[in-house]
Amino acid sequence: AVFLILGGQTWWKDNISGLGFIIYWGACFLCAVLAAVCALLDLSTIRRETRIEHRKLFHETLEKIQVSAVESKSKNDDADSSTASSES
């Protein structure tokens, strides 16, 4: 699209007229619109993948915190039970 626009403004400026002018600039416009649509689709895909990775990381971190809390509680319970049995 950029090549067509630059070419239309420099090299082919004086050589294009009438219907050729309309077709040429219509093609330039179409290429520019298609490039913008591709960019928006790419942006949408990147945002979706980022959202999926963020959720995955959140759930993995939450699971690690839960496992750590269970292990910590288990160690505390073991320490309390061994203290209670040594006092008896």
Protein backbone atom coordinates (compact mmCIF):
# COMPACT_ATOMS: atom_id res chain seq x y z
CA ALA A 1 0.00 0.00 0.00
CA VAL A 2 2.81 2.40 0.89
CA PHE A 3 4.64 1.61 -2.36
CA LEU A 4 1.48 2.26 -4.39
CA ILE A 5 0.81 5.55 -2.62
CA LEU A 6 4.40 6.76 -2.99
CA GLY A 7 4.44 5.71 -6.63
CA GLY A 8 1.16 7.48 -7.28
CA GLN A 9 2.44 10.68 -5.71
CA THR A 10 5.82 10.66 -7.46
CA TRP A 11 6.43 8.53 -10.56
CA TRP A 12 2.94 7.97 -11.97
CA LYS A 13 1.39 11.29 -10.93
CA ASP A 14 1.30 12.78 -14.41
CA ASN A 15 0.65 9.50 -16.27
CA ILE A 16 -2.60 8.49 -14.57
CA SER A 17 -5.88 10.18 -15.54
CA GLY A 18 -9.58 9.46 -15.87
CA LEU A 19 -10.72 5.91 -15.11
CA GLY A 20 -7.14 4.76 -14.54
CA PHE A 21 -6.81 7.39 -11.80
CA ILE A 22 -9.95 6.10 -10.04
CA ILE A 23 -8.92 2.46 -10.37
CA TYR A 24 -5.36 3.14 -9.21
CA TRP A 25 -6.35 5.12 -6.14
CA GLY A 26 -9.18 2.66 -5.42
CA ALA A 27 -6.57 -0.11 -5.37
CA CYS A 28 -4.37 2.00 -3.08
CA PHE A 29 -7.30 2.58 -0.74
CA LEU A 30 -8.21 -1.12 -0.77
CA CYS A 31 -4.62 -2.14 0.04
CA ALA A 32 -4.47 0.39 2.88
CA VAL A 33 -7.77 -0.86 4.31
CA LEU A 34 -6.64 -4.50 4.06
CA ALA A 35 -3.39 -3.63 5.84
CA ALA A 36 -5.36 -1.92 8.62
CA VAL A 37 -7.70 -4.92 8.94
CA CYS A 38 -4.72 -7.29 9.15
CA ALA A 39 -3.17 -5.10 11.86
CA LEU A 40 -6.42 -5.09 13.85
CA LEU A 41 -6.75 -8.88 13.55
CA ASP A 42 -3.15 -9.27 14.70
CA LEU A 43 -3.80 -6.95 17.64
CA SER A 44 -6.91 -8.93 18.57
CA THR A 45 -4.98 -12.21 18.42
CA ILE A 46 -2.17 -10.82 20.57
CA ARG A 47 -4.63 -9.47 23.15
CA ARG A 48 -6.46 -12.83 23.29
CA GLU A 49 -3.21 -14.77 23.72
CA THR A 50 -2.03 -12.33 26.39
CA ARG A 51 -5.34 -12.70 28.26
CA ILE A 52 -5.05 -16.51 28.10
CA GLU A 53 -1.44 -16.42 29.37
CA HIS A 54 -2.41 -13.99 32.14
CA ARG A 55 -5.20 -16.29 33.33
CA LYS A 56 -2.89 -19.30 33.16
CA LEU A 57 -0.23 -17.52 35.20
CA PHE A 58 -2.85 -16.34 37.72
CA HIS A 59 -4.18 -19.89 38.22
CA GLU A 60 -0.68 -21.37 38.49
CA THR A 61 0.30 -18.77 41.08
CA LEU A 62 -2.90 -19.30 43.03
CA GLU A 63 -2.32 -23.05 43.01
CA LYS A 64 1.25 -22.57 44.29
CA ILE A 65 -0.02 -20.32 47.08
CA GLN A 66 -2.65 -22.89 48.06
CA VAL A 67 -0.13 -25.75 48.06
CA SER A 68 2.28 -23.63 50.11
CA ALA A 69 -0.48 -22.78 52.61
CA VAL A 70 -1.45 -26.45 52.96
CA GLU A 71 2.20 -27.47 53.48
CA SER A 72 2.71 -24.68 56.01
CA LYS A 73 -0.42 -25.68 57.91
CA SER A 74 0.69 -29.30 57.83
CA LYS A 75 4.11 -28.38 59.27
CA ASN A 76 2.48 -26.27 61.97
CA ASP A 77 0.09 -29.10 62.87
CA ASP A 78 3.01 -31.56 63.05
CA ALA A 79 4.99 -29.16 65.24
CA ASP A 80 1.98 -28.61 67.52
CA SER A 81 1.32 -32.33 67.86
CA SER A 82 4.99 -33.11 68.65
CA THR A 83 5.04 -30.30 71.24
CA ALA A 84 1.84 -31.60 72.80
CA SER A 85 3.16 -35.20 72.97
CA SER A 86 6.48 -34.09 74.53
CA GLU A 87 4.62 -32.12 77.20
CA SER A 88 2.60 -35.21 78.19
